[in-house]
PDB file of N, CA and C in Angstrom:
ATOM      1  N   UNK A   1       0.812  -1.282   0.146  1.00  0.00           N
ATOM      2  CA  UNK A   1      -0.106  -0.021  -0.181  1.00  0.00           C
ATOM      3  C   UNK A   1       0.809   1.336  -0.123  1.00  0.00           C
ATOM      4  N   UNK A   2       1.934   1.476   0.844  1.00  0.00           N
ATOM      5  CA  UNK A   2       2.822   2.414   1.011  1.00  0.00           C
ATOM      6  C   UNK A   2       3.517   2.718  -0.223  1.00  0.00           C
ATOM      7  N   UNK A   3       3.903   1.735  -1.000  1.00  0.00           N
ATOM      8  CA  UNK A   3       4.571   1.767  -2.181  1.00  0.00           C
ATOM      9  C   UNK A   3       3.737   2.336  -3.376  1.00  0.00           C
ATOM     10  N   UNK A   4       2.355   1.740  -3.521  1.00  0.00           N
ATOM     11  CA  UNK A   4       1.615   2.164  -4.453  1.00  0.00           C
ATOM     12  C   UNK A   4       1.269   3.742  -4.274  1.00  0.00           C
ATOM     13  N   UNK A   5       1.180   4.360  -2.772  1.00  0.00           N
ATOM     14  CA  UNK A   5       1.073   5.970  -2.773  1.00  0.00           C
ATOM     15  C   UNK A   5       2.208   6.522  -3.095  1.00  0.00           C
ATOM     16  N   UNK A   6       3.396   5.935  -2.900  1.00  0.00           N
ATOM     17  CA  UNK A   6       4.767   6.519  -3.376  1.00  0.00           C
ATOM     18  C   UNK A   6       4.805   6.735  -4.717  1.00  0.00           C
ATOM     19  N   UNK A   7       4.272   5.799  -5.538  1.00  0.00           N
ATOM     20  CA  UNK A   7       4.230   5.300  -7.037  1.00  0.00           C
ATOM     21  C   UNK A   7       3.381   6.601  -7.533  1.00  0.00           C
ATOM     22  N   UNK A   8       2.083   6.588  -6.887  1.00  0.00           N
ATOM     23  CA  UNK A   8       0.990   7.414  -7.399  1.00  0.00           C
ATOM     24  C   UNK A   8       1.671   8.990  -7.063  1.00  0.00           C
ATOM     25  N   UNK A   9       2.278   9.293  -6.168  1.00  0.00           N
ATOM     26  CA  UNK A   9       3.037  10.900  -5.921  1.00  0.00           C
ATOM     27  C   UNK A   9       3.871  10.941  -6.932  1.00  0.00           C
ATOM     28  N   UNK A  10       4.862  10.046  -7.250  1.00  0.00           N
ATOM     29  CA  UNK A  10       5.692  10.030  -8.250  1.00  0.00           C
ATOM     30  C   UNK A  10       5.361  10.569  -9.552  1.00  0.00           C
ATOM     31  N   UNK A  11       3.943  10.058 -10.004  1.00  0.00           N
ATOM     32  CA  UNK A  11       3.689   9.810 -11.462  1.00  0.00           C
ATOM     33  C   UNK A  11       2.848  11.116 -11.730  1.00  0.00           C
ATOM     34  N   UNK A  12       2.117  11.620 -10.392  1.00  0.00           N
ATOM     35  CA  UNK A  12       1.381  13.033 -10.534  1.00  0.00           C
ATOM     36  C   UNK A  12       2.301  14.132 -11.235  1.00  0.00           C
ATOM     37  N   UNK A  13       3.269  14.379 -10.389  1.00  0.00           N
ATOM     38  CA  UNK A  13       4.305  15.407 -10.860  1.00  0.00           C
ATOM     39  C   UNK A  13       4.968  15.371 -12.020  1.00  0.00           C
ATOM     40  N   UNK A  14       5.077  14.172 -12.497  1.00  0.00           N
ATOM     41  CA  UNK A  14       5.494  14.032 -14.118  1.00  0.00           C
ATOM     42  C   UNK A  14       4.601  14.496 -14.857  1.00  0.00           C
ATOM     43  N   UNK A  15       3.104  13.990 -14.707  1.00  0.00           N
ATOM     44  CA  UNK A  15       2.015  14.140 -15.624  1.00  0.00           C
ATOM     45  C   UNK A  15       1.738  15.832 -15.641  1.00  0.00           C
ATOM     46  N   UNK A  16       1.868  16.539 -14.502  1.00  0.00           N
ATOM     47  CA  UNK A  16       1.473  17.661 -14.398  1.00  0.00           C
ATOM     48  C   UNK A  16       2.536  18.665 -15.225  1.00  0.00           C
ATOM     49  N   UNK A  17       3.844  18.364 -15.131  1.00  0.00           N
ATOM     50  CA  UNK A  17       4.814  19.006 -16.245  1.00  0.00           C
ATOM     51  C   UNK A  17       4.836  18.753 -17.367  1.00  0.00           C
ATOM     52  N   UNK A  18       4.368  17.843 -17.557  1.00  0.00           N
ATOM     53  CA  UNK A  18       4.237  17.295 -19.084  1.00  0.00           C
ATOM     54  C   UNK A  18       3.452  17.602 -20.349  1.00  0.00           C
ATOM     55  N   UNK A  19       2.511  18.453 -19.895  1.00  0.00           N
ATOM     56  CA  UNK A  19       1.752  19.023 -20.521  1.00  0.00           C
ATOM     57  C   UNK A  19       2.137  19.636 -21.580  1.00  0.00           C
ATOM     58  N   UNK A  20       3.013  20.914 -21.644  1.00  0.00           N
ATOM     59  CA  UNK A  20       3.684  21.484 -22.669  1.00  0.00           C
ATOM     60  C   UNK A  20       5.125  21.815 -22.710  1.00  0.00           C
ATOM     61  N   UNK A  21       5.604  20.538 -22.181  1.00  0.00           N
ATOM     62  CA  UNK A  21       7.147  20.357 -22.117  1.00  0.00           C
ATOM     63  C   UNK A  21       7.695  20.290 -23.609  1.00  0.00           C
ATOM     64  N   UNK A  22       8.900  21.107 -23.531  1.00  0.00           N
ATOM     65  CA  UNK A  22       9.848  21.139 -24.612  1.00  0.00           C
ATOM     66  C   UNK A  22      10.771  20.062 -24.660  1.00  0.00           C
ATOM     67  N   UNK A  23      11.869  20.367 -25.599  1.00  0.00           N
ATOM     68  CA  UNK A  23      12.700  19.352 -25.462  1.00  0.00           C
ATOM     69  C   UNK A  23      13.378  19.422 -23.574  1.00  0.00           C
ATOM     70  N   UNK A  24      13.967  18.241 -23.270  1.00  0.00           N
ATOM     71  CA  UNK A  24      14.381  18.353 -21.795  1.00  0.00           C
ATOM     72  C   UNK A  24      13.227  18.498 -20.844  1.00  0.00           C
ATOM     73  N   UNK A  25      11.767  18.556 -21.271  1.00  0.00           N
ATOM     74  CA  UNK A  25      10.587  18.442 -20.175  1.00  0.00           C
ATOM     75  C   UNK A  25      10.562  17.181 -19.871  1.00  0.00           C
ATOM     76  N   UNK A  26       9.368  16.977 -18.787  1.00  0.00           N
ATOM     77  CA  UNK A  26       8.733  15.847 -18.749  1.00  0.00           C
ATOM     78  C   UNK A  26       7.714  15.517 -19.833  1.00  0.00           C
ATOM     79  N   UNK A  27       7.403  14.251 -20.145  1.00  0.00           N
ATOM     80  CA  UNK A  27       6.239  13.751 -20.848  1.00  0.00           C
ATOM     81  C   UNK A  27       5.069  13.591 -19.994  1.00  0.00           C
ATOM     82  N   UNK A  28       3.977  13.719 -20.532  1.00  0.00           N
ATOM     83  CA  UNK A  28       2.606  13.594 -19.929  1.00  0.00           C
ATOM     84  C   UNK A  28       2.168  12.207 -19.633  1.00  0.00           C
ATOM     85  N   UNK A  29       1.394  11.899 -18.568  1.00  0.00           N
ATOM     86  CA  UNK A  29       1.397  10.215 -18.583  1.00  0.00           C
ATOM     87  C   UNK A  29       0.500   9.683 -19.794  1.00  0.00           C
ATOM     88  N   UNK A  30      -0.205  10.445 -20.426  1.00  0.00           N
ATOM     89  CA  UNK A  30      -0.693   9.756 -21.741  1.00  0.00           C
ATOM     90  C   UNK A  30       0.198   9.305 -22.608  1.00  0.00           C
ATOM     91  N   UNK A  31       1.409  10.258 -22.610  1.00  0.00           N
ATOM     92  CA  UNK A  31       2.587   9.909 -23.774  1.00  0.00           C
ATOM     93  C   UNK A  31       3.089   8.764 -23.267  1.00  0.00           C
ATOM     94  N   UNK A  32       3.426   8.616 -22.090  1.00  0.00           N
ATOM     95  CA  UNK A  32       4.255   7.240 -21.248  1.00  0.00           C
ATOM     96  C   UNK A  32       3.263   6.219 -21.496  1.00  0.00           C
ATOM     97  N   UNK A  33       1.924   6.220 -21.135  1.00  0.00           N
ATOM     98  CA  UNK A  33       1.208   5.251 -21.255  1.00  0.00           C
ATOM     99  C   UNK A  33       1.261   4.838 -22.689  1.00  0.00           C
ATOM    100  N   UNK A  34       1.034   5.405 -23.728  1.00  0.00           N
ATOM    101  CA  UNK A  34       1.380   5.125 -25.292  1.00  0.00           C
ATOM    102  C   UNK A  34       2.628   4.249 -25.429  1.00  0.00           C
ATOM    103  N   UNK A  35       3.918   5.001 -25.044  1.00  0.00           N
ATOM    104  CA  UNK A  35       5.327   4.400 -25.297  1.00  0.00           C
ATOM    105  C   UNK A  35       5.157   2.697 -24.836  1.00  0.00           C
ATOM    106  N   UNK A  36       4.457   2.890 -23.303  1.00  0.00           N
ATOM    107  CA  UNK A  36       4.767   1.555 -22.968  1.00  0.00           C
ATOM    108  C   UNK A  36       3.710   0.388 -23.708  1.00  0.00           C
ATOM    109  N   UNK A  37       2.575   0.841 -24.283  1.00  0.00           N
ATOM    110  CA  UNK A  37       1.797   0.041 -24.952  1.00  0.00           C
ATOM    111  C   UNK A  37       2.139  -0.216 -26.260  1.00  0.00           C
ATOM    112  N   UNK A  38       3.171   0.512 -26.648  1.00  0.00           N
ATOM    113  CA  UNK A  38       3.715   0.432 -28.075  1.00  0.00           C
ATOM    114  C   UNK A  38       5.067  -0.262 -27.919  1.00  0.00           C
ATOM    115  N   UNK A  39       5.274  -0.397 -26.497  1.00  0.00           N
ATOM    116  CA  UNK A  39       6.792  -1.588 -26.254  1.00  0.00           C
ATOM    117  C   UNK A  39       8.137  -0.782 -26.679  1.00  0.00           C
ATOM    118  N   UNK A  40       7.725   0.496 -26.672  1.00  0.00           N
ATOM    119  CA  UNK A  40       8.829   1.532 -26.553  1.00  0.00           C
ATOM    120  C   UNK A  40       9.591   1.548 -25.364  1.00  0.00           C
ATOM    121  N   UNK A  41       9.146   1.621 -24.166  1.00  0.00           N
ATOM    122  CA  UNK A  41       9.655   1.634 -22.887  1.00  0.00           C
ATOM    123  C   UNK A  41       9.121   0.825 -21.995  1.00  0.00           C
ATOM    124  N   UNK A  42       9.833   0.135 -20.978  1.00  0.00           N
ATOM    125  CA  UNK A  42       9.574  -0.563 -20.061  1.00  0.00           C
ATOM    126  C   UNK A  42       8.714   0.153 -18.885  1.00  0.00           C
ATOM    127  N   UNK A  43       7.686  -0.627 -18.164  1.00  0.00           N
ATOM    128  CA  UNK A  43       7.066   0.353 -17.271  1.00  0.00           C
ATOM    129  C   UNK A  43       7.222   0.946 -16.136  1.00  0.00           C
ATOM    130  N   UNK A  44       7.429   1.822 -15.649  1.00  0.00           N
ATOM    131  CA  UNK A  44       8.045   2.528 -14.273  1.00  0.00           C
ATOM    132  C   UNK A  44       8.268   1.290 -13.206  1.00  0.00           C
ATOM    133  N   UNK A  45       6.963   0.635 -12.913  1.00  0.00           N
ATOM    134  CA  UNK A  45       7.072  -0.125 -11.742  1.00  0.00           C
ATOM    135  C   UNK A  45       8.218  -1.157 -11.888  1.00  0.00           C
ATOM    136  N   UNK A  46       8.526  -1.772 -13.027  1.00  0.00           N
ATOM    137  CA  UNK A  46       9.724  -2.429 -13.424  1.00  0.00           C
ATOM    138  C   UNK A  46      11.022  -1.580 -13.192  1.00  0.00           C
ATOM    139  N   UNK A  47      11.364  -0.952 -13.525  1.00  0.00           N
ATOM    140  CA  UNK A  47      12.153   0.014 -13.428  1.00  0.00           C
ATOM    141  C   UNK A  47      12.552   0.762 -12.135  1.00  0.00           C
ATOM    142  N   UNK A  48      11.545   0.759 -11.283  1.00  0.00           N
ATOM    143  CA  UNK A  48      11.608   1.323  -9.946  1.00  0.00           C
ATOM    144  C   UNK A  48      11.887  -0.023  -9.302  1.00  0.00           C
ATOM    145  N   UNK A  49      11.651  -1.034  -9.391  1.00  0.00           N
ATOM    146  CA  UNK A  49      11.655  -2.404  -8.819  1.00  0.00           C
ATOM    147  C   UNK A  49      13.619  -2.737  -8.843  1.00  0.00           C
ATOM    148  N   UNK A  50      14.118  -2.648  -9.719  1.00  0.00           N
ATOM    149  CA  UNK A  50      15.355  -3.019 -10.274  1.00  0.00           C
ATOM    150  C   UNK A  50      16.194  -1.542  -9.769  1.00  0.00           C
ATOM    151  N   UNK A  51      15.922  -0.539  -9.955  1.00  0.00           N
ATOM    152  CA  UNK A  51      16.555   0.486  -9.027  1.00  0.00           C
ATOM    153  C   UNK A  51      16.388   0.173  -7.460  1.00  0.00           C
ATOM    154  N   UNK A  52      15.228  -0.123  -7.023  1.00  0.00           N
ATOM    155  CA  UNK A  52      15.402  -0.431  -5.447  1.00  0.00           C
ATOM    156  C   UNK A  52      16.383  -1.841  -5.254  1.00  0.00           C
ATOM    157  N   UNK A  53      16.510  -2.577  -5.889  1.00  0.00           N
ATOM    158  CA  UNK A  53      17.392  -3.527  -5.743  1.00  0.00           C
ATOM    159  C   UNK A  53      18.635  -3.752  -5.819  1.00  0.00           C
ATOM    160  N   UNK A  54      19.118  -2.488  -6.783  1.00  0.00           N
ATOM    161  CA  UNK A  54      20.418  -2.666  -7.014  1.00  0.00           C
ATOM    162  C   UNK A  54      21.065  -1.441  -6.005  1.00  0.00           C
ATOM    163  N   UNK A  55      20.380  -0.529  -5.670  1.00  0.00           N
ATOM    164  CA  UNK A  55      20.896   0.890  -4.668  1.00  0.00           C
ATOM    165  C   UNK A  55      20.286   0.740  -3.204  1.00  0.00           C
ATOM    166  N   UNK A  56      21.200   1.090  -2.257  1.00  0.00           N
ATOM    167  CA  UNK A  56      20.265   1.456  -1.050  1.00  0.00           C
ATOM    168  C   UNK A  56      19.590   2.880  -1.204  1.00  0.00           C
ATOM    169  N   UNK A  57      18.315   2.863  -0.465  1.00  0.00           N
ATOM    170  CA  UNK A  57      17.691   4.200  -0.621  1.00  0.00           C
ATOM    171  C   UNK A  57      16.316   4.002  -1.007  1.00  0.00           C
ATOM    172  N   UNK A  58      15.669   5.465  -1.207  1.00  0.00           N
ATOM    173  CA  UNK A  58      14.327   5.578  -1.581  1.00  0.00           C
ATOM    174  C   UNK A  58      14.435   6.509  -2.918  1.00  0.00           C
ATOM    175  N   UNK A  59      13.665   5.995  -4.171  1.00  0.00           N
ATOM    176  CA  UNK A  59      13.284   6.826  -4.760  1.00  0.00           C
ATOM    177  C   UNK A  59      12.352   7.826  -4.308  1.00  0.00           C
ATOM    178  N   UNK A  60      12.673   8.956  -4.740  1.00  0.00           N
ATOM    179  CA  UNK A  60      11.910  10.148  -4.133  1.00  0.00           C
ATOM    180  C   UNK A  60      11.354  11.169  -5.012  1.00  0.00           C
ATOM    181  N   UNK A  61      11.792  10.882  -6.136  1.00  0.00           N
ATOM    182  CA  UNK A  61      11.213  11.519  -7.552  1.00  0.00           C
ATOM    183  C   UNK A  61      11.425  10.925  -9.033  1.00  0.00           C
ATOM    184  N   UNK A  62      10.666  11.137  -9.808  1.00  0.00           N
ATOM    185  CA  UNK A  62      10.909  10.477 -10.984  1.00  0.00           C
ATOM    186  C   UNK A  62      10.346  11.229 -12.126  1.00  0.00           C
ATOM    187  N   UNK A  63      10.990  11.075 -13.345  1.00  0.00           N
ATOM    188  CA  UNK A  63      10.709  11.955 -14.607  1.00  0.00           C
ATOM    189  C   UNK A  63      10.542  10.883 -15.702  1.00  0.00           C
ATOM    190  N   UNK A  64       9.958  11.333 -16.908  1.00  0.00           N
ATOM    191  CA  UNK A  64      10.041  10.555 -18.112  1.00  0.00           C
ATOM    192  C   UNK A  64      10.309  11.655 -19.162  1.00  0.00           C
ATOM    193  N   UNK A  65      11.464  11.387 -19.832  1.00  0.00           N
ATOM    194  CA  UNK A  65      11.452  12.147 -20.978  1.00  0.00           C
ATOM    195  C   UNK A  65      12.048  11.744 -21.899  1.00  0.00           C
ATOM    196  N   UNK A  66      12.309  12.716 -23.275  1.00  0.00           N
ATOM    197  CA  UNK A  66      12.693  12.195 -24.346  1.00  0.00           C
ATOM    198  C   UNK A  66      14.230  13.042 -24.409  1.00  0.00           C
ATOM    199  N   UNK A  67      15.304  12.428 -24.615  1.00  0.00           N
ATOM    200  CA  UNK A  67      16.798  12.910 -24.693  1.00  0.00           C
ATOM    201  C   UNK A  67      17.312  12.340 -26.011  1.00  0.00           C
ATOM    202  N   UNK A  68      18.165  13.033 -26.617  1.00  0.00           N
ATOM    203  CA  UNK A  68      18.619  12.718 -28.022  1.00  0.00           C
ATOM    204  C   UNK A  68      18.007  11.442 -28.493  1.00  0.00           C
ATOM    205  N   UNK A  69      16.558  11.549 -28.731  1.00  0.00           N
ATOM    206  CA  UNK A  69      15.752  10.631 -29.561  1.00  0.00           C
ATOM    207  C   UNK A  69      15.470   9.369 -28.799  1.00  0.00           C
ATOM    208  N   UNK A  70      15.850   9.120 -27.270  1.00  0.00           N
ATOM    209  CA  UNK A  70      15.456   8.102 -26.680  1.00  0.00           C
ATOM    210  C   UNK A  70      14.535   8.359 -25.597  1.00  0.00           C
ATOM    211  N   UNK A  71      13.794   7.445 -25.447  1.00  0.00           N
ATOM    212  CA  UNK A  71      13.049   7.644 -23.736  1.00  0.00           C
ATOM    213  C   UNK A  71      14.009   7.542 -22.662  1.00  0.00           C
ATOM    214  N   UNK A  72      14.088   8.193 -21.613  1.00  0.00           N
ATOM    215  CA  UNK A  72      14.914   7.960 -20.508  1.00  0.00           C
ATOM    216  C   UNK A  72      14.121   8.297 -19.117  1.00  0.00           C
ATOM    217  N   UNK A  73      14.096   7.577 -18.151  1.00  0.00           N
ATOM    218  CA  UNK A  73      13.609   7.903 -16.596  1.00  0.00           C
ATOM    219  C   UNK A  73      14.735   8.645 -15.905  1.00  0.00           C
ATOM    220  N   UNK A  74      14.413   9.609 -15.238  1.00  0.00           N
ATOM    221  CA  UNK A  74      15.398  10.398 -14.341  1.00  0.00           C
ATOM    222  C   UNK A  74      14.737  10.122 -13.050  1.00  0.00           C
ATOM    223  N   UNK A  75      15.658   9.660 -12.333  1.00  0.00           N
ATOM    224  CA  UNK A  75      15.316   9.454 -10.809  1.00  0.00           C
ATOM    225  C   UNK A  75      15.825  10.477  -9.925  1.00  0.00           C
ATOM    226  N   UNK A  76      15.430  10.701  -8.633  1.00  0.00           N
ATOM    227  CA  UNK A  76      16.178  11.400  -7.517  1.00  0.00           C
ATOM    228  C   UNK A  76      16.357  10.079  -6.680  1.00  0.00           C
ATOM    229  N   UNK A  77      17.350   9.900  -5.946  1.00  0.00           N
ATOM    230  CA  UNK A  77      17.494   8.630  -4.919  1.00  0.00           C
ATOM    231  C   UNK A  77      17.953   9.177  -3.817  1.00  0.00           C
ATOM    232  N   UNK A  78      17.181   9.075  -2.514  1.00  0.00           N
ATOM    233  CA  UNK A  78      17.544   9.582  -1.313  1.00  0.00           C
ATOM    234  C   UNK A  78      18.275   7.949  -0.579  1.00  0.00           C
ATOM    235  N   UNK A  79      19.601   8.247  -0.404  1.00  0.00           N
ATOM    236  CA  UNK A  79      20.411   6.875   0.396  1.00  0.00           C
ATOM    237  C   UNK A  79      20.308   7.190   1.688  1.00  0.00           C
ATOM    238  N   UNK A  80      20.508   6.207   2.511  1.00  0.00           N
ATOM    239  CA  UNK A  80      20.930   6.390   3.864  1.00  0.00           C
ATOM    240  C   UNK A  80      22.037   7.316   4.312  1.00  0.00           C
ATOM    241  N   UNK A  81      22.886   7.744   3.582  1.00  0.00           N
ATOM    242  CA  UNK A  81      23.798   8.930   3.778  1.00  0.00           C
ATOM    243  C   UNK A  81      23.227  10.109   3.895  1.00  0.00           C
ATOM    244  N   UNK A  82      21.937  10.308   2.973  1.00  0.00           N
ATOM    245  CA  UNK A  82      21.661  11.672   2.948  1.00  0.00           C
ATOM    246  C   UNK A  82      21.569  12.262   1.742  1.00  0.00           C
ATOM    247  N   UNK A  83      22.664  12.120   1.020  1.00  0.00           N
ATOM    248  CA  UNK A  83      23.331  12.902  -0.029  1.00  0.00           C
ATOM    249  C   UNK A  83      22.514  12.534  -1.406  1.00  0.00           C
ATOM    250  N   UNK A  84      21.888  13.179  -1.983  1.00  0.00           N
ATOM    251  CA  UNK A  84      21.015  13.056  -2.918  1.00  0.00           C
ATOM    252  C   UNK A  84      21.676  12.496  -4.256  1.00  0.00           C
ATOM    253  N   UNK A  85      21.188  11.414  -5.094  1.00  0.00           N
ATOM    254  CA  UNK A  85      21.817  10.654  -6.244  1.00  0.00           C
ATOM    255  C   UNK A  85      20.947  10.944  -7.277  1.00  0.00           C
ATOM    256  N   UNK A  86      21.318  11.348  -8.423  1.00  0.00           N
ATOM    257  CA  UNK A  86      20.497  11.519  -9.506  1.00  0.00           C
ATOM    258  C   UNK A  86      20.871  10.277 -10.267  1.00  0.00           C
ATOM    259  N   UNK A  87      19.941   9.726 -10.887  1.00  0.00           N
ATOM    260  CA  UNK A  87      20.279   8.618 -12.084  1.00  0.00           C
ATOM    261  C   UNK A  87      19.187   8.817 -13.221  1.00  0.00           C
ATOM    262  N   UNK A  88      20.245   8.253 -14.545  1.00  0.00           N
ATOM    263  CA  UNK A  88      19.523   8.688 -15.714  1.00  0.00           C
ATOM    264  C   UNK A  88      19.539   7.265 -16.137  1.00  0.00           C
ATOM    265  N   UNK A  89      18.029   6.514 -16.860  1.00  0.00           N
ATOM    266  CA  UNK A  89      17.992   5.262 -17.062  1.00  0.00           C
ATOM    267  C   UNK A  89      17.418   5.190 -18.409  1.00  0.00           C
ATOM    268  N   UNK A  90      17.928   4.351 -19.120  1.00  0.00           N
ATOM    269  CA  UNK A  90      17.401   4.170 -20.394  1.00  0.00           C
ATOM    270  C   UNK A  90      15.780   3.389 -20.335  1.00  0.00           C
ATOM    271  N   UNK A  91      14.898   3.924 -20.565  1.00  0.00           N
ATOM    272  CA  UNK A  91      13.781   3.453 -20.463  1.00  0.00           C
ATOM    273  C   UNK A  91      13.323   2.274 -21.210  1.00  0.00           C
ATOM    274  N   UNK A  92      13.971   2.128 -22.209  1.00  0.00           N
ATOM    275  CA  UNK A  92      13.511   0.820 -23.149  1.00  0.00           C
ATOM    276  C   UNK A  92      14.398  -0.477 -22.543  1.00  0.00           C
ATOM    277  N   UNK A  93      15.675  -0.343 -21.866  1.00  0.00           N
ATOM    278  CA  UNK A  93      16.478  -1.152 -21.882  1.00  0.00           C
ATOM    279  C   UNK A  93      16.504  -1.289 -20.185  1.00  0.00           C
ATOM    280  N   UNK A  94      16.457  -0.476 -19.340  1.00  0.00           N
ATOM    281  CA  UNK A  94      16.420  -0.283 -17.725  1.00  0.00           C
ATOM    282  C   UNK A  94      18.184   0.078 -17.460  1.00  0.00           C
ATOM    283  N   UNK A  95      18.784   0.006 -18.414  1.00  0.00           N
ATOM    284  CA  UNK A  95      20.120   0.200 -18.356  1.00  0.00           C
ATOM    285  C   UNK A  95      20.597   1.968 -17.461  1.00  0.00           C
ATOM    286  N   UNK A  96      21.467   1.779 -16.958  1.00  0.00           N
ATOM    287  CA  UNK A  96      21.593   3.042 -15.983  1.00  0.00           C
ATOM    288  C   UNK A  96      22.498   3.754 -17.199  1.00  0.00           C
ATOM    289  N   UNK A  97      22.370   4.873 -17.420  1.00  0.00           N
ATOM    290  CA  UNK A  97      23.072   5.869 -18.403  1.00  0.00           C
ATOM    291  C   UNK A  97      23.948   6.457 -17.421  1.00  0.00           C
ATOM    292  N   UNK A  98      23.556   7.174 -16.219  1.00  0.00           N
ATOM    293  CA  UNK A  98      24.411   8.020 -15.922  1.00  0.00           C
ATOM    294  C   UNK A  98      24.095   7.989 -14.247  1.00  0.00           C
ATOM    295  N   UNK A  99      25.191   8.352 -13.521  1.00  0.00           N
ATOM    296  CA  UNK A  99      24.980   8.808 -11.877  1.00  0.00           C
ATOM    297  C   UNK A  99      25.395   9.998 -11.547  1.00  0.00           C
ATOM    298  N   UNK A 100      24.564  10.643 -10.879  1.00  0.00           N
ATOM    299  CA  UNK A 100      25.293  11.893 -10.470  1.00  0.00           C
ATOM    300  C   UNK A 100      25.229  11.973  -8.688  1.00  0.00           C
ATOM    301  N   UNK A 101      26.113  11.836  -8.050  1.00  0.00           N
ATOM    302  CA  UNK A 101      26.396  11.548  -6.784  1.00  0.00           C
ATOM    303  C   UNK A 101      26.931  10.101  -6.202  1.00  0.00           C
ATOM    304  N   UNK A 102      27.115  10.053  -5.136  1.00  0.00           N
ATOM    305  CA  UNK A 102      27.573   8.869  -4.660  1.00  0.00           C
ATOM    306  C   UNK A 102      26.539   7.494  -4.428  1.00  0.00           C
ATOM    307  N   UNK A 103      26.075   6.834  -5.155  1.00  0.00           N
ATOM    308  CA  UNK A 103      25.028   5.972  -5.259  1.00  0.00           C
ATOM    309  C   UNK A 103      25.571   4.769  -4.495  1.00  0.00           C
ATOM    310  N   UNK A 104      24.883   4.264  -3.573  1.00  0.00           N
ATOM    311  CA  UNK A 104      25.151   3.145  -2.523  1.00  0.00           C
ATOM    312  C   UNK A 104      24.865   1.763  -3.178  1.00  0.00           C
ATOM    313  N   UNK A 105      25.714   0.722  -3.659  1.00  0.00           N
ATOM    314  CA  UNK A 105      25.275  -0.302  -4.148  1.00  0.00           C
ATOM    315  C   UNK A 105      24.534  -1.240  -3.012  1.00  0.00           C
ATOM    316  N   UNK A 106      23.589  -2.044  -3.239  1.00  0.00           N
ATOM    317  CA  UNK A 106      23.498  -2.940  -2.280  1.00  0.00           C
ATOM    318  C   UNK A 106      24.102  -4.021  -2.314  1.00  0.00           C
ATOM    319  N   UNK A 107      24.575  -4.921  -1.080  1.00  0.00           N
ATOM    320  CA  UNK A 107      25.582  -6.128  -1.145  1.00  0.00           C
ATOM    321  C   UNK A 107      24.914  -7.228  -1.892  1.00  0.00           C
TER     322      UNK A 107
END
């Protein structure tokens, strides 16, 4: 239940920002849903599960966007250290493209 509430809170800001986003902006929930239905990207829940399995901490924000012709999820992760980590993840493959900050891998 707590996880669903967190997921709902994460999706709402993404949808709100995506209405007239230009390059580098967030995409709307409708665009994200279509991309999932067409197999262009993996669903957010699967990517979140992979991030939480790989890294210590909680995802506190997420955004879906198009960057250089590809879909990417951007996450803000708050590890136990309290130092914010930003992750950029390929939305089609789930591969981590970049990390900003000291991400703490799970053992």
